[in-house]
Amino acid sequence: MRGGDERTGELFSYVDLEDRVRRDHPLRAIRLIVNEALVSLEEEFAALYSPIGRPSIAPEKLLRAMLLQAFYSIRSERLL
């Protein structure tokens, strides 16, 4: 079962990450481009998952995390 792509940061912190990243940061522009690309892939992602079972981590979240890992040269997923 495919997991959702909703934000849950408010559950774990009192600090809003949107307020911590400056408005002109390059990652904001990259995020807009990535989100547009992921919207176009939504049907393909949905076809890959079963309608039953435990929900997975949303593939959109995984792809965004992998981009951050590549941009910041993070050598392990555990360090994300």
N, C-alpha and C. Protein backbone atom coordinates (compact mmCIF):
# COMPACT_ATOMS: atom_id res chain seq x y z
N MET A 1 0.84 -1.17 0.00
CA MET A 1 0.00 0.00 0.00
C MET A 1 0.90 1.24 0.00
N ARG A 2 0.57 2.17 -0.83
CA ARG A 2 1.39 3.36 -0.99
C ARG A 2 1.11 4.37 0.12
N GLY A 3 2.16 4.83 0.75
CA GLY A 3 2.04 5.83 1.80
C GLY A 3 1.76 7.21 1.25
N GLY A 4 1.25 8.07 2.09
CA GLY A 4 0.93 9.44 1.68
C GLY A 4 2.13 10.35 1.70
N ASP A 5 1.99 11.50 1.07
CA ASP A 5 3.08 12.46 0.96
C ASP A 5 2.81 13.71 1.79
N GLU A 6 2.14 13.55 2.92
CA GLU A 6 1.83 14.72 3.74
C GLU A 6 2.99 15.01 4.69
N ARG A 7 3.06 16.27 5.11
CA ARG A 7 4.10 16.70 6.06
C ARG A 7 3.66 16.37 7.47
N THR A 8 4.58 15.86 8.28
CA THR A 8 4.28 15.56 9.68
C THR A 8 5.27 16.20 10.62
N GLY A 9 6.00 17.19 10.17
CA GLY A 9 7.02 17.83 11.00
C GLY A 9 6.48 18.45 12.26
N GLU A 10 5.24 18.92 12.23
CA GLU A 10 4.66 19.56 13.40
C GLU A 10 4.50 18.59 14.56
N LEU A 11 4.45 17.31 14.28
CA LEU A 11 4.29 16.33 15.35
C LEU A 11 5.56 16.18 16.18
N PHE A 12 6.70 16.47 15.58
CA PHE A 12 7.97 16.18 16.23
C PHE A 12 8.75 17.40 16.68
N SER A 13 8.31 18.59 16.31
CA SER A 13 9.08 19.78 16.64
C SER A 13 8.16 20.99 16.73
N TYR A 14 8.56 21.93 17.57
CA TYR A 14 7.82 23.19 17.66
C TYR A 14 8.31 24.19 16.63
N VAL A 15 9.42 23.89 15.98
CA VAL A 15 10.03 24.78 15.00
C VAL A 15 9.50 24.43 13.61
N ASP A 16 8.99 25.40 12.90
CA ASP A 16 8.52 25.19 11.54
C ASP A 16 9.71 25.33 10.60
N LEU A 17 10.00 24.27 9.86
CA LEU A 17 11.15 24.30 8.95
C LEU A 17 11.00 25.34 7.85
N GLU A 18 9.79 25.63 7.46
CA GLU A 18 9.56 26.65 6.43
C GLU A 18 10.06 28.01 6.91
N ASP A 19 9.97 28.27 8.20
CA ASP A 19 10.45 29.54 8.75
C ASP A 19 11.97 29.56 8.90
N ARG A 20 12.59 28.39 8.95
CA ARG A 20 14.04 28.31 9.17
C ARG A 20 14.85 28.41 7.88
N VAL A 21 14.23 28.14 6.74
CA VAL A 21 14.92 28.20 5.45
C VAL A 21 14.57 29.53 4.79
N ARG A 22 15.59 30.29 4.44
CA ARG A 22 15.33 31.62 3.88
C ARG A 22 14.57 31.51 2.56
N ARG A 23 13.83 32.54 2.24
CA ARG A 23 12.93 32.55 1.07
C ARG A 23 13.67 32.42 -0.26
N ASP A 24 14.92 32.90 -0.33
CA ASP A 24 15.65 32.85 -1.59
C ASP A 24 16.63 31.68 -1.67
N HIS A 25 16.49 30.69 -0.79
CA HIS A 25 17.39 29.54 -0.80
C HIS A 25 17.17 28.73 -2.09
N PRO A 26 18.25 28.26 -2.72
CA PRO A 26 18.13 27.51 -3.98
C PRO A 26 17.27 26.25 -3.87
N LEU A 27 17.23 25.64 -2.70
CA LEU A 27 16.43 24.42 -2.56
C LEU A 27 14.94 24.67 -2.73
N ARG A 28 14.49 25.87 -2.46
CA ARG A 28 13.07 26.18 -2.66
C ARG A 28 12.71 26.10 -4.14
N ALA A 29 13.56 26.64 -5.01
CA ALA A 29 13.31 26.56 -6.45
C ALA A 29 13.41 25.12 -6.94
N ILE A 30 14.38 24.39 -6.41
CA ILE A 30 14.53 22.99 -6.80
C ILE A 30 13.32 22.19 -6.36
N ARG A 31 12.81 22.48 -5.16
CA ARG A 31 11.63 21.75 -4.67
C ARG A 31 10.42 21.96 -5.58
N LEU A 32 10.23 23.17 -6.08
CA LEU A 32 9.12 23.42 -7.00
C LEU A 32 9.24 22.59 -8.27
N ILE A 33 10.45 22.52 -8.82
CA ILE A 33 10.68 21.73 -10.03
C ILE A 33 10.45 20.25 -9.76
N VAL A 34 10.98 19.77 -8.64
CA VAL A 34 10.84 18.35 -8.28
C VAL A 34 9.38 18.01 -8.04
N ASN A 35 8.64 18.87 -7.35
CA ASN A 35 7.23 18.60 -7.09
C ASN A 35 6.42 18.51 -8.39
N GLU A 36 6.74 19.38 -9.36
CA GLU A 36 6.05 19.30 -10.65
C GLU A 36 6.34 17.97 -11.34
N ALA A 37 7.59 17.54 -11.29
CA ALA A 37 7.96 16.26 -11.92
C ALA A 37 7.27 15.09 -11.21
N LEU A 38 7.20 15.15 -9.89
CA LEU A 38 6.59 14.06 -9.14
C LEU A 38 5.08 13.98 -9.36
N VAL A 39 4.43 15.10 -9.56
CA VAL A 39 3.00 15.09 -9.86
C VAL A 39 2.75 14.35 -11.17
N SER A 40 3.63 14.55 -12.13
CA SER A 40 3.44 13.87 -13.42
C SER A 40 3.70 12.37 -13.31
N LEU A 41 4.41 11.94 -12.28
CA LEU A 41 4.71 10.51 -12.09
C LEU A 41 3.74 9.82 -11.13
N GLU A 42 2.78 10.54 -10.62
CA GLU A 42 1.89 9.99 -9.58
C GLU A 42 1.15 8.73 -10.04
N GLU A 43 0.64 8.71 -11.25
CA GLU A 43 -0.08 7.54 -11.74
C GLU A 43 0.84 6.33 -11.85
N GLU A 44 2.07 6.55 -12.29
CA GLU A 44 3.02 5.45 -12.40
C GLU A 44 3.36 4.88 -11.03
N PHE A 45 3.54 5.75 -10.04
CA PHE A 45 3.80 5.28 -8.68
C PHE A 45 2.61 4.49 -8.14
N ALA A 46 1.41 4.98 -8.36
CA ALA A 46 0.21 4.32 -7.85
C ALA A 46 0.06 2.92 -8.43
N ALA A 47 0.44 2.73 -9.68
CA ALA A 47 0.31 1.42 -10.32
C ALA A 47 1.28 0.40 -9.74
N LEU A 48 2.32 0.84 -9.08
CA LEU A 48 3.34 -0.07 -8.55
C LEU A 48 2.99 -0.63 -7.17
N TYR A 49 1.99 -0.08 -6.51
CA TYR A 49 1.68 -0.47 -5.14
C TYR A 49 0.35 -1.21 -5.05
N SER A 50 0.31 -2.17 -4.14
CA SER A 50 -0.91 -2.93 -3.88
C SER A 50 -1.89 -2.07 -3.08
N PRO A 51 -3.20 -2.27 -3.27
CA PRO A 51 -4.17 -1.51 -2.48
C PRO A 51 -4.31 -2.01 -1.04
N ILE A 52 -3.73 -3.16 -0.73
CA ILE A 52 -3.83 -3.71 0.63
C ILE A 52 -2.44 -3.77 1.25
N GLY A 53 -2.41 -3.91 2.55
CA GLY A 53 -1.14 -4.03 3.26
C GLY A 53 -0.80 -2.77 4.03
N ARG A 54 0.36 -2.80 4.64
CA ARG A 54 0.82 -1.65 5.42
C ARG A 54 1.27 -0.54 4.49
N PRO A 55 1.01 0.70 4.85
CA PRO A 55 1.45 1.80 3.99
C PRO A 55 2.97 1.94 3.99
N SER A 56 3.50 2.22 2.84
CA SER A 56 4.94 2.41 2.70
C SER A 56 5.29 3.87 2.94
N ILE A 57 6.57 4.15 2.91
CA ILE A 57 7.01 5.54 2.87
C ILE A 57 6.71 6.02 1.46
N ALA A 58 6.16 7.20 1.33
CA ALA A 58 5.80 7.72 0.01
C ALA A 58 7.03 7.80 -0.88
N PRO A 59 6.94 7.30 -2.11
CA PRO A 59 8.10 7.36 -3.00
C PRO A 59 8.56 8.79 -3.26
N GLU A 60 7.63 9.74 -3.20
CA GLU A 60 8.00 11.15 -3.38
C GLU A 60 8.96 11.60 -2.27
N LYS A 61 8.68 11.18 -1.04
CA LYS A 61 9.56 11.55 0.07
C LYS A 61 10.93 10.92 -0.09
N LEU A 62 10.95 9.66 -0.53
CA LEU A 62 12.23 8.99 -0.73
C LEU A 62 13.05 9.67 -1.81
N LEU A 63 12.42 10.04 -2.90
CA LEU A 63 13.15 10.71 -3.98
C LEU A 63 13.67 12.08 -3.55
N ARG A 64 12.87 12.81 -2.79
CA ARG A 64 13.35 14.11 -2.29
C ARG A 64 14.54 13.92 -1.34
N ALA A 65 14.46 12.90 -0.49
CA ALA A 65 15.57 12.63 0.43
C ALA A 65 16.83 12.23 -0.33
N MET A 66 16.67 11.45 -1.39
CA MET A 66 17.83 11.05 -2.18
C MET A 66 18.46 12.25 -2.88
N LEU A 67 17.65 13.20 -3.31
CA LEU A 67 18.20 14.42 -3.90
C LEU A 67 19.01 15.21 -2.88
N LEU A 68 18.48 15.35 -1.67
CA LEU A 68 19.23 16.04 -0.62
C LEU A 68 20.53 15.31 -0.31
N GLN A 69 20.47 13.99 -0.31
CA GLN A 69 21.66 13.19 -0.06
C GLN A 69 22.72 13.47 -1.12
N ALA A 70 22.31 13.56 -2.37
CA ALA A 70 23.25 13.84 -3.46
C ALA A 70 23.75 15.28 -3.40
N PHE A 71 22.88 16.24 -3.16
CA PHE A 71 23.27 17.65 -3.14
C PHE A 71 24.28 17.95 -2.03
N TYR A 72 24.09 17.32 -0.88
CA TYR A 72 24.94 17.61 0.27
C TYR A 72 25.99 16.54 0.54
N SER A 73 26.19 15.62 -0.40
CA SER A 73 27.22 14.57 -0.31
C SER A 73 27.12 13.79 1.01
N ILE A 74 25.91 13.41 1.35
CA ILE A 74 25.68 12.60 2.55
C ILE A 74 25.88 11.15 2.15
N ARG A 75 26.79 10.46 2.82
CA ARG A 75 27.19 9.14 2.36
C ARG A 75 26.25 8.01 2.75
N SER A 76 25.31 8.26 3.65
CA SER A 76 24.44 7.19 4.12
C SER A 76 23.02 7.71 4.34
N GLU A 77 22.04 6.86 4.06
CA GLU A 77 20.66 7.24 4.32
C GLU A 77 20.42 7.46 5.80
N ARG A 78 21.15 6.78 6.64
CA ARG A 78 20.98 6.93 8.08
C ARG A 78 21.32 8.33 8.56
N LEU A 79 22.22 8.99 7.83
CA LEU A 79 22.63 10.34 8.23
C LEU A 79 21.61 11.39 7.82
N LEU A 80 20.63 11.03 7.00
CA LEU A 80 19.59 11.98 6.62
C LEU A 80 18.70 12.24 7.81
